[in-house]
């Protein structure tokens, strides 16, 4: 089940904080959407503009992207232990109740 990225903005993504700088909190929310390829075109443009002007978020993006890529490469086609699967399912069902 995937969350829609349309709920990520309570205000326009292009709005700036009182100091005239991009909203870092909003950028952090969009970061996950961009990395998971769930961001809208507007969110992607907002994030791209932000990281072009903000070295810390550029670095965060690249580190997170590398981590996701490494996990995908290392875990793809790996057999998940059945007891782990059952444990996860059990916790999900407990949370749903």
N, C-alpha and C. Protein backbone atom coordinates (compact mmCIF):
# COMPACT_ATOMS: atom_id res chain seq x y z
N UNK A 1 0.85 -1.17 0.00
CA UNK A 1 0.00 0.00 0.00
C UNK A 1 0.89 1.22 0.00
N UNK A 2 0.65 2.11 -0.92
CA UNK A 2 1.48 3.29 -1.07
C UNK A 2 0.69 4.54 -0.69
N UNK A 3 1.33 5.44 0.01
CA UNK A 3 0.70 6.69 0.37
C UNK A 3 0.81 7.65 -0.79
N UNK A 4 -0.23 8.38 -1.03
CA UNK A 4 -0.22 9.37 -2.11
C UNK A 4 0.59 10.58 -1.68
N UNK A 5 1.37 11.09 -2.58
CA UNK A 5 2.19 12.25 -2.26
C UNK A 5 1.39 13.54 -2.25
N UNK A 6 0.14 13.49 -2.65
CA UNK A 6 -0.65 14.71 -2.70
C UNK A 6 -0.93 15.28 -1.33
N UNK A 7 -0.78 14.48 -0.30
CA UNK A 7 -1.02 14.96 1.06
C UNK A 7 0.22 15.53 1.72
N UNK A 8 1.32 15.57 1.03
CA UNK A 8 2.56 15.99 1.66
C UNK A 8 2.66 17.50 1.87
N UNK A 9 1.86 18.26 1.16
CA UNK A 9 1.92 19.71 1.28
C UNK A 9 0.66 20.24 1.91
N UNK A 10 0.78 20.94 3.02
CA UNK A 10 -0.35 21.64 3.60
C UNK A 10 -0.45 23.03 2.99
N UNK A 11 0.66 23.50 2.44
CA UNK A 11 0.70 24.78 1.76
C UNK A 11 1.45 24.55 0.46
N UNK A 12 1.51 25.55 -0.36
CA UNK A 12 2.21 25.42 -1.63
C UNK A 12 3.68 25.10 -1.38
N UNK A 13 4.25 24.15 -2.12
CA UNK A 13 5.65 23.80 -1.90
C UNK A 13 6.62 24.91 -2.24
N UNK A 14 6.17 25.87 -3.01
CA UNK A 14 7.08 26.94 -3.40
C UNK A 14 7.08 28.08 -2.39
N UNK A 15 6.21 27.99 -1.36
CA UNK A 15 6.22 29.02 -0.33
C UNK A 15 7.53 28.96 0.43
N UNK A 16 7.95 30.10 0.88
CA UNK A 16 9.20 30.17 1.62
C UNK A 16 8.92 30.55 3.05
N UNK A 17 9.87 30.28 3.92
CA UNK A 17 9.71 30.64 5.32
C UNK A 17 9.77 32.16 5.46
N UNK A 18 9.58 32.65 6.68
CA UNK A 18 9.59 34.08 6.94
C UNK A 18 10.91 34.74 6.55
N UNK A 19 11.99 33.99 6.53
CA UNK A 19 13.31 34.54 6.23
C UNK A 19 13.58 34.55 4.72
N UNK A 20 12.62 34.08 3.91
CA UNK A 20 12.81 34.08 2.47
C UNK A 20 13.61 32.89 1.97
N UNK A 21 13.84 31.90 2.80
CA UNK A 21 14.57 30.72 2.40
C UNK A 21 13.61 29.55 2.28
N UNK A 22 13.96 28.53 1.51
CA UNK A 22 13.08 27.37 1.38
C UNK A 22 12.82 26.73 2.75
N UNK A 23 11.66 26.13 2.88
CA UNK A 23 11.26 25.46 4.11
C UNK A 23 11.96 24.11 4.19
N UNK A 24 12.95 24.00 5.08
CA UNK A 24 13.73 22.76 5.20
C UNK A 24 12.87 21.60 5.69
N UNK A 25 11.92 21.87 6.55
CA UNK A 25 11.04 20.81 7.04
C UNK A 25 10.23 20.20 5.91
N UNK A 26 9.71 21.04 5.04
CA UNK A 26 8.94 20.56 3.90
C UNK A 26 9.84 19.80 2.94
N UNK A 27 11.06 20.27 2.77
CA UNK A 27 12.01 19.60 1.89
C UNK A 27 12.32 18.19 2.40
N UNK A 28 12.44 18.06 3.70
CA UNK A 28 12.71 16.75 4.28
C UNK A 28 11.56 15.79 4.03
N UNK A 29 10.32 16.29 4.09
CA UNK A 29 9.15 15.45 3.79
C UNK A 29 9.19 14.98 2.34
N UNK A 30 9.55 15.88 1.45
CA UNK A 30 9.56 15.57 0.03
C UNK A 30 10.72 14.64 -0.32
N UNK A 31 11.79 14.68 0.45
CA UNK A 31 12.96 13.83 0.20
C UNK A 31 12.55 12.36 0.09
N UNK A 32 11.77 11.88 1.03
CA UNK A 32 11.35 10.47 1.00
C UNK A 32 10.49 10.17 -0.22
N UNK A 33 9.62 11.09 -0.56
CA UNK A 33 8.78 10.89 -1.74
C UNK A 33 9.62 10.82 -3.00
N UNK A 34 10.61 11.67 -3.09
CA UNK A 34 11.49 11.69 -4.28
C UNK A 34 12.28 10.38 -4.35
N UNK A 35 12.85 9.97 -3.24
CA UNK A 35 13.65 8.74 -3.23
C UNK A 35 12.81 7.51 -3.54
N UNK A 36 11.55 7.52 -3.12
CA UNK A 36 10.66 6.38 -3.38
C UNK A 36 9.93 6.51 -4.71
N UNK A 37 10.25 7.54 -5.46
CA UNK A 37 9.65 7.82 -6.76
C UNK A 37 8.13 7.97 -6.66
N UNK A 38 7.68 8.60 -5.57
CA UNK A 38 6.27 8.85 -5.35
C UNK A 38 5.92 10.33 -5.38
N UNK A 39 6.89 11.18 -5.61
CA UNK A 39 6.67 12.63 -5.62
C UNK A 39 5.97 13.06 -6.91
N UNK A 40 5.12 14.07 -6.77
CA UNK A 40 4.50 14.66 -7.95
C UNK A 40 5.55 15.46 -8.71
N UNK A 41 5.21 15.88 -9.91
CA UNK A 41 6.14 16.71 -10.69
C UNK A 41 6.46 18.00 -9.94
N UNK A 42 5.44 18.58 -9.28
CA UNK A 42 5.64 19.81 -8.52
C UNK A 42 6.59 19.57 -7.35
N UNK A 43 6.41 18.46 -6.65
CA UNK A 43 7.29 18.14 -5.52
C UNK A 43 8.71 17.88 -5.98
N UNK A 44 8.86 17.19 -7.11
CA UNK A 44 10.20 16.92 -7.64
C UNK A 44 10.90 18.22 -8.02
N UNK A 45 10.17 19.12 -8.65
CA UNK A 45 10.76 20.40 -9.04
C UNK A 45 11.15 21.21 -7.81
N UNK A 46 10.30 21.21 -6.79
CA UNK A 46 10.58 21.92 -5.54
C UNK A 46 11.85 21.36 -4.90
N UNK A 47 11.94 20.04 -4.82
CA UNK A 47 13.11 19.42 -4.19
C UNK A 47 14.38 19.69 -4.99
N UNK A 48 14.27 19.57 -6.31
CA UNK A 48 15.45 19.81 -7.16
C UNK A 48 15.96 21.24 -6.97
N UNK A 49 15.04 22.19 -6.94
CA UNK A 49 15.44 23.59 -6.74
C UNK A 49 16.08 23.76 -5.37
N UNK A 50 15.53 23.09 -4.36
CA UNK A 50 16.07 23.22 -3.01
C UNK A 50 17.49 22.66 -2.92
N UNK A 51 17.70 21.45 -3.45
CA UNK A 51 19.04 20.86 -3.29
C UNK A 51 20.09 21.55 -4.14
N UNK A 52 19.67 22.26 -5.17
CA UNK A 52 20.64 23.02 -5.96
C UNK A 52 21.21 24.19 -5.16
N UNK A 53 20.47 24.64 -4.15
CA UNK A 53 20.89 25.78 -3.34
C UNK A 53 21.20 25.43 -1.90
N UNK A 54 21.17 24.15 -1.56
CA UNK A 54 21.34 23.76 -0.15
C UNK A 54 22.22 22.51 -0.08
N UNK A 55 23.49 22.71 0.20
CA UNK A 55 24.45 21.61 0.23
C UNK A 55 24.07 20.51 1.24
N UNK A 56 23.61 20.84 2.45
CA UNK A 56 23.26 19.75 3.38
C UNK A 56 22.19 18.81 2.81
N UNK A 57 21.16 19.34 2.16
CA UNK A 57 20.12 18.48 1.61
C UNK A 57 20.60 17.74 0.37
N UNK A 58 21.51 18.33 -0.37
CA UNK A 58 22.12 17.64 -1.51
C UNK A 58 22.88 16.41 -1.00
N UNK A 59 23.62 16.59 0.08
CA UNK A 59 24.37 15.48 0.66
C UNK A 59 23.45 14.43 1.26
N UNK A 60 22.40 14.87 1.96
CA UNK A 60 21.44 13.94 2.54
C UNK A 60 20.80 13.10 1.44
N UNK A 61 20.39 13.77 0.37
CA UNK A 61 19.77 13.07 -0.76
C UNK A 61 20.71 12.01 -1.32
N UNK A 62 21.95 12.37 -1.56
CA UNK A 62 22.90 11.41 -2.14
C UNK A 62 23.21 10.25 -1.20
N UNK A 63 23.33 10.52 0.09
CA UNK A 63 23.58 9.45 1.06
C UNK A 63 22.38 8.51 1.13
N UNK A 64 21.18 9.08 1.27
CA UNK A 64 19.98 8.26 1.35
C UNK A 64 19.77 7.44 0.08
N UNK A 65 20.04 8.05 -1.07
CA UNK A 65 19.91 7.35 -2.34
C UNK A 65 20.89 6.17 -2.41
N UNK A 66 22.12 6.38 -1.95
CA UNK A 66 23.12 5.32 -1.96
C UNK A 66 22.72 4.19 -1.01
N UNK A 67 22.19 4.54 0.15
CA UNK A 67 21.76 3.52 1.11
C UNK A 67 20.63 2.68 0.54
N UNK A 68 19.61 3.35 -0.04
CA UNK A 68 18.49 2.61 -0.63
C UNK A 68 18.98 1.71 -1.75
N UNK A 69 19.90 2.19 -2.56
CA UNK A 69 20.42 1.40 -3.66
C UNK A 69 21.19 0.18 -3.13
N UNK A 70 22.00 0.38 -2.10
CA UNK A 70 22.77 -0.72 -1.53
C UNK A 70 21.83 -1.77 -0.93
N UNK A 71 20.82 -1.33 -0.21
CA UNK A 71 19.87 -2.28 0.39
C UNK A 71 19.16 -3.06 -0.70
N UNK A 72 18.73 -2.37 -1.74
CA UNK A 72 18.05 -3.04 -2.84
C UNK A 72 18.97 -4.07 -3.49
N UNK A 73 20.21 -3.69 -3.76
CA UNK A 73 21.16 -4.60 -4.41
C UNK A 73 21.48 -5.81 -3.55
N UNK A 74 21.62 -5.58 -2.25
CA UNK A 74 22.01 -6.68 -1.36
C UNK A 74 20.86 -7.58 -0.95
N UNK A 75 19.64 -7.05 -0.96
CA UNK A 75 18.50 -7.81 -0.46
C UNK A 75 17.63 -8.42 -1.56
N UNK A 76 17.79 -7.95 -2.77
CA UNK A 76 17.00 -8.47 -3.87
C UNK A 76 17.31 -9.96 -4.07
N UNK A 77 16.28 -10.73 -4.23
CA UNK A 77 16.40 -12.18 -4.44
C UNK A 77 16.97 -12.93 -3.24
N UNK A 78 16.89 -12.34 -2.08
CA UNK A 78 17.32 -13.04 -0.86
C UNK A 78 16.11 -13.69 -0.23
N UNK A 79 16.27 -14.87 0.30
CA UNK A 79 15.19 -15.60 0.97
C UNK A 79 15.01 -15.01 2.36
N UNK A 80 13.79 -14.58 2.65
CA UNK A 80 13.47 -14.04 3.97
C UNK A 80 13.08 -15.20 4.88
N UNK A 81 13.70 -15.28 6.06
CA UNK A 81 13.33 -16.36 6.99
C UNK A 81 11.84 -16.32 7.32
N UNK A 82 11.21 -17.48 7.29
CA UNK A 82 9.76 -17.54 7.50
C UNK A 82 9.36 -17.03 8.88
N UNK A 83 10.21 -17.24 9.90
CA UNK A 83 9.85 -16.75 11.23
C UNK A 83 9.86 -15.22 11.27
N UNK A 84 10.72 -14.59 10.49
CA UNK A 84 10.73 -13.13 10.41
C UNK A 84 9.47 -12.63 9.72
N UNK A 85 9.06 -13.28 8.64
CA UNK A 85 7.84 -12.91 7.93
C UNK A 85 6.64 -13.02 8.87
N UNK A 86 6.55 -14.12 9.60
CA UNK A 86 5.43 -14.32 10.51
C UNK A 86 5.43 -13.30 11.65
N UNK A 87 6.61 -12.97 12.14
CA UNK A 87 6.72 -11.96 13.20
C UNK A 87 6.24 -10.60 12.71
N UNK A 88 6.64 -10.23 11.51
CA UNK A 88 6.21 -8.95 10.94
C UNK A 88 4.70 -8.94 10.72
N UNK A 89 4.17 -10.02 10.15
CA UNK A 89 2.72 -10.11 9.94
C UNK A 89 1.96 -10.00 11.25
N UNK A 90 2.45 -10.68 12.26
CA UNK A 90 1.80 -10.64 13.57
C UNK A 90 1.78 -9.22 14.13
N UNK A 91 2.88 -8.51 14.02
CA UNK A 91 2.93 -7.14 14.52
C UNK A 91 2.00 -6.22 13.74
N UNK A 92 1.90 -6.45 12.44
CA UNK A 92 1.00 -5.64 11.62
C UNK A 92 -0.44 -5.88 12.05
N UNK A 93 -0.79 -7.14 12.22
CA UNK A 93 -2.16 -7.48 12.63
C UNK A 93 -2.48 -6.94 14.01
N UNK A 94 -1.51 -6.98 14.91
CA UNK A 94 -1.72 -6.43 16.26
C UNK A 94 -1.97 -4.93 16.20
N UNK A 95 -1.25 -4.22 15.34
CA UNK A 95 -1.43 -2.78 15.20
C UNK A 95 -2.77 -2.44 14.57
N UNK A 96 -3.29 -3.33 13.73
CA UNK A 96 -4.55 -3.08 13.04
C UNK A 96 -5.74 -3.22 13.99
N UNK A 97 -5.58 -4.01 15.02
CA UNK A 97 -6.70 -4.22 15.97
C UNK A 97 -6.93 -3.08 16.85
